[in-house]
Protein backbone atom coordinates (compact mmCIF):
# COMPACT_ATOMS: atom_id res chain seq x y z
CA MET A 1 -68.77 12.23 116.56
CA HIS A 2 -70.77 11.07 113.53
CA ASN A 3 -69.44 8.90 110.75
CA GLY A 4 -70.51 9.12 107.13
CA LEU A 5 -71.98 5.88 105.83
CA PHE A 6 -70.97 4.86 102.31
CA PRO A 7 -72.46 1.43 101.46
CA LYS A 8 -70.45 -0.99 99.35
CA PHE A 9 -72.19 -3.48 97.13
CA ILE A 10 -69.66 -6.19 96.42
CA LYS A 11 -70.32 -9.54 94.81
CA GLY A 12 -70.57 -12.29 97.41
CA ARG A 13 -71.42 -9.93 100.29
CA THR A 14 -74.85 -9.72 101.94
CA VAL A 15 -76.68 -6.41 101.59
CA LYS A 16 -77.10 -5.02 105.08
CA LYS A 17 -80.20 -3.30 106.46
CA GLU A 18 -78.19 -0.10 107.08
CA ALA A 19 -77.16 0.07 103.41
CA LEU A 20 -80.79 -0.19 102.28
CA GLU A 21 -81.86 2.44 104.84
CA TYR A 22 -79.10 4.74 103.56
CA MET A 23 -80.32 4.30 99.97
CA ARG A 24 -83.87 5.05 101.11
CA ASP A 25 -83.00 8.10 103.21
CA PHE A 26 -80.20 9.78 101.25
CA PRO A 27 -82.29 11.35 98.42
CA ASN A 28 -84.81 12.85 100.88
CA ASP A 29 -82.11 14.00 103.28
CA PHE A 30 -80.13 15.58 100.43
CA ALA A 31 -83.16 17.34 98.90
CA GLY A 32 -84.26 18.49 102.36
CA ALA A 33 -80.82 20.00 103.03
CA VAL A 34 -80.67 21.75 99.65
CA PHE A 35 -84.19 23.21 99.78
CA ASN A 36 -84.59 23.60 103.55
CA ASP A 37 -84.92 27.41 103.55
CA TYR A 38 -87.09 27.56 100.42
CA SER A 39 -90.75 28.60 100.46
CA ASP A 40 -93.51 26.37 99.14
CA GLY A 41 -93.75 26.50 95.36
CA VAL A 42 -92.36 25.12 92.10
CA LEU A 43 -88.72 23.98 92.31
CA PHE A 44 -88.17 22.87 88.70
CA GLY A 45 -89.84 21.22 85.75
CA PHE A 46 -93.52 21.57 84.84
CA THR A 47 -92.55 22.74 81.35
CA ILE A 48 -95.73 23.15 79.34
CA ARG A 49 -96.24 22.44 75.65
CA TYR A 50 -99.28 22.08 73.41
CA GLU A 51 -99.75 18.99 71.20
CA ASP A 52 -102.83 17.59 69.46
CA GLU A 53 -105.32 19.76 71.40
CA LYS A 54 -103.74 18.75 74.71
CA ILE A 55 -101.69 20.60 77.28
CA VAL A 56 -98.65 18.43 78.11
CA ILE A 57 -96.94 19.22 81.40
CA SER A 58 -93.50 17.69 81.94
CA LYS A 59 -92.37 16.01 85.15
CA GLY A 60 -91.67 18.56 87.86
CA ALA A 61 -91.00 19.03 91.54
CA CYS A 62 -92.46 21.39 94.10
CA LYS A 63 -92.01 22.03 97.78
CA TYR A 64 -95.08 21.77 99.98
CA GLN A 65 -95.09 21.77 103.79
CA SER A 66 -91.36 20.92 103.98
CA GLU A 67 -91.73 18.00 101.54
CA ILE A 68 -90.29 17.73 98.06
CA ILE A 69 -93.00 16.30 95.82
CA VAL A 70 -92.13 14.94 92.36
CA VAL A 71 -95.03 14.92 89.92
CA PRO A 72 -94.99 12.75 86.74
CA GLU A 73 -95.72 14.08 83.24
CA ILE A 74 -99.40 14.55 82.48
CA ASP A 75 -101.58 15.62 79.53
CA LEU A 76 -104.79 17.58 79.84
CA PRO A 77 -107.23 17.72 76.91
CA VAL A 78 -108.56 21.21 76.18
CA HIS A 79 -112.36 21.26 75.79
CA GLU A 80 -113.13 24.90 76.55
CA TYR A 81 -112.20 27.78 74.29
CA SER A 82 -112.25 31.59 74.30
CA ARG A 83 -112.18 31.84 78.08
CA LEU A 84 -109.44 32.23 80.65
CA LEU A 85 -108.29 28.85 81.99
CA TYR A 86 -105.80 28.14 84.76
CA ILE A 87 -103.52 25.12 84.99
CA ASN A 88 -103.70 24.24 88.69
CA LEU A 89 -101.77 21.73 90.77
CA GLU A 90 -103.57 20.49 93.88
CA ILE A 91 -101.75 18.58 96.62
CA GLY A 92 -103.92 16.40 98.88
CA GLN A 93 -103.71 15.62 102.57
CA LEU A 94 -101.00 13.29 103.84
CA GLU A 95 -102.33 9.76 104.33
CA GLU A 96 -100.25 7.38 106.41
CA SER A 97 -100.22 3.60 106.39
CA MET A 98 -97.86 0.98 107.75
CA ASP A 99 -95.88 0.87 104.49
CA TYR A 100 -96.28 4.30 102.85
CA ASP A 101 -97.09 7.95 103.37
CA THR A 102 -99.02 9.21 100.33
CA ARG A 103 -100.48 12.43 99.00
CA SER A 104 -102.89 12.69 96.10
CA ILE A 105 -101.67 15.04 93.39
CA GLU A 106 -103.92 16.42 90.68
CA ILE A 107 -103.20 18.79 87.81
CA TYR A 108 -106.31 20.15 86.15
CA LEU A 109 -107.70 23.01 84.06
CA ALA A 110 -109.93 25.38 86.02
CA LYS A 111 -111.96 28.53 85.47
CA HIS A 112 -110.46 30.03 88.63
CA ARG A 113 -106.97 30.69 89.92
CA PRO A 114 -105.82 28.70 92.95
CA THR A 115 -107.27 30.05 96.18
CA ARG A 116 -106.28 27.41 98.74
CA THR A 117 -102.85 26.94 100.30
CA ASN A 118 -102.58 23.42 98.84
CA GLU A 119 -102.92 24.66 95.23
CA LEU A 120 -100.32 26.13 92.86
CA GLU A 121 -100.83 27.79 89.49
CA LEU A 122 -98.66 26.38 86.70
CA GLY A 123 -99.89 28.81 84.03
CA ARG A 124 -102.95 30.41 82.43
CA PHE A 125 -104.22 30.99 78.91
CA SER A 126 -107.23 31.73 76.74
CA LEU A 127 -107.27 29.58 73.61
CA ASN A 128 -109.41 30.28 70.57
CA GLN A 129 -110.98 27.24 68.89
CA GLY A 130 -108.73 26.03 66.06
CA ALA A 131 -105.72 28.00 67.35
CA LYS A 132 -102.54 26.47 68.69
CA LEU A 133 -101.33 27.50 72.14
CA ARG A 134 -97.93 29.23 72.01
CA CYS A 135 -95.72 28.19 74.91
CA LYS A 136 -92.56 29.99 73.73
CA HIS A 137 -92.46 33.76 74.13
CA ASP A 138 -91.10 36.16 71.52
CA SER A 139 -90.19 38.94 73.94
CA PHE A 140 -90.36 40.07 77.55
CA LYS A 141 -93.60 41.96 76.80
CA ASP A 142 -95.06 38.82 75.18
CA LEU A 143 -94.97 37.07 78.59
CA GLN A 144 -98.15 38.89 79.63
CA THR A 145 -100.13 37.87 76.52
CA LEU A 146 -103.09 35.65 77.38
CA GLU A 147 -104.82 34.97 74.07
CA ASN A 148 -103.45 31.80 72.48
CA THR A 149 -100.27 32.20 74.57
CA LEU A 150 -99.27 30.53 77.83
CA ASN A 151 -98.90 33.10 80.63
CA ILE A 152 -96.38 32.03 83.30
CA ILE A 153 -96.09 35.31 85.23
CA TYR A 154 -98.08 34.13 88.27
CA VAL A 155 -96.42 30.74 88.80
CA PRO A 156 -95.04 30.74 92.38
CA TYR A 157 -91.44 29.52 92.17
CA ALA A 158 -89.95 28.46 95.49
CA SER A 159 -87.07 30.56 96.75
CA ILE A 160 -85.30 31.42 99.96
CA GLY A 161 -87.61 33.59 102.04
CA GLY A 162 -90.54 33.69 99.61
CA HIS A 163 -91.59 33.23 95.99
CA THR A 164 -89.57 34.28 92.97
CA LEU A 165 -90.16 34.52 89.23
CA ASN A 166 -90.10 31.74 86.67
CA PRO A 167 -86.52 31.46 85.29
CA VAL A 168 -87.91 32.03 81.77
CA ILE A 169 -89.04 35.51 82.84
CA MET A 170 -85.61 36.33 84.23
CA ARG A 171 -83.90 35.13 81.02
CA LYS A 172 -86.24 37.15 78.77
CA PHE A 173 -85.63 40.27 80.87
CA ALA A 174 -81.85 39.77 80.75
CA ASP A 175 -81.90 39.12 76.98
CA GLU A 176 -83.81 42.34 76.29
CA LEU A 177 -81.67 44.36 78.68
CA LEU A 178 -78.53 43.20 76.86
CA VAL A 179 -80.02 44.18 73.49
CA ARG A 180 -81.25 47.61 74.65
CA SER A 181 -78.35 48.77 76.78
CA SER A 182 -74.58 48.78 76.61
CA ASP A 183 -74.21 50.43 80.00
CA ALA A 184 -71.74 48.40 82.11
CA VAL A 185 -74.09 48.26 85.11
CA ASP A 186 -76.97 46.94 82.95
CA VAL A 187 -74.74 44.39 81.24
CA ASN A 188 -73.40 43.11 84.57
CA PHE A 189 -76.90 42.98 86.04
CA ALA A 190 -78.20 41.06 83.01
């Protein structure tokens, strides 16, 4: 039989090693249990916006080789215009030391889509000089626009058994289906 451990932190009591180990292990154990059957890919976050000629990518999390990796917010200055650029996330090799296991994480703009298993695409666009990158989409059809618009169609979202679509795509599809159809099956599906 196993017992659940629920540390108590009470004034005047000494913090025990087991309580600290529980605090260390619980978040990873919990995330591992929740996302155990998921494929590698984006879990959440990585929302992209455009400000002052920079791509700003919010904090996000992805699954890679059974690990949940949390990536901090980052900005990428845009220096190239009128060409297709990819926002790529590259996850480095695991490096172990006595105190930490670490992986390098880099988000960068590239002229090519990710080709290696340790890379994920977070979006793509072609921005004209002087234009502002649109990161909000007007319609379901607008999702495939590349010029001056962020394209998120190819972002590999983690899911059970394989990749799935970005939740924004699913919402846009459902919104348009609700507007275009009053059929009960379509409404329930949406």
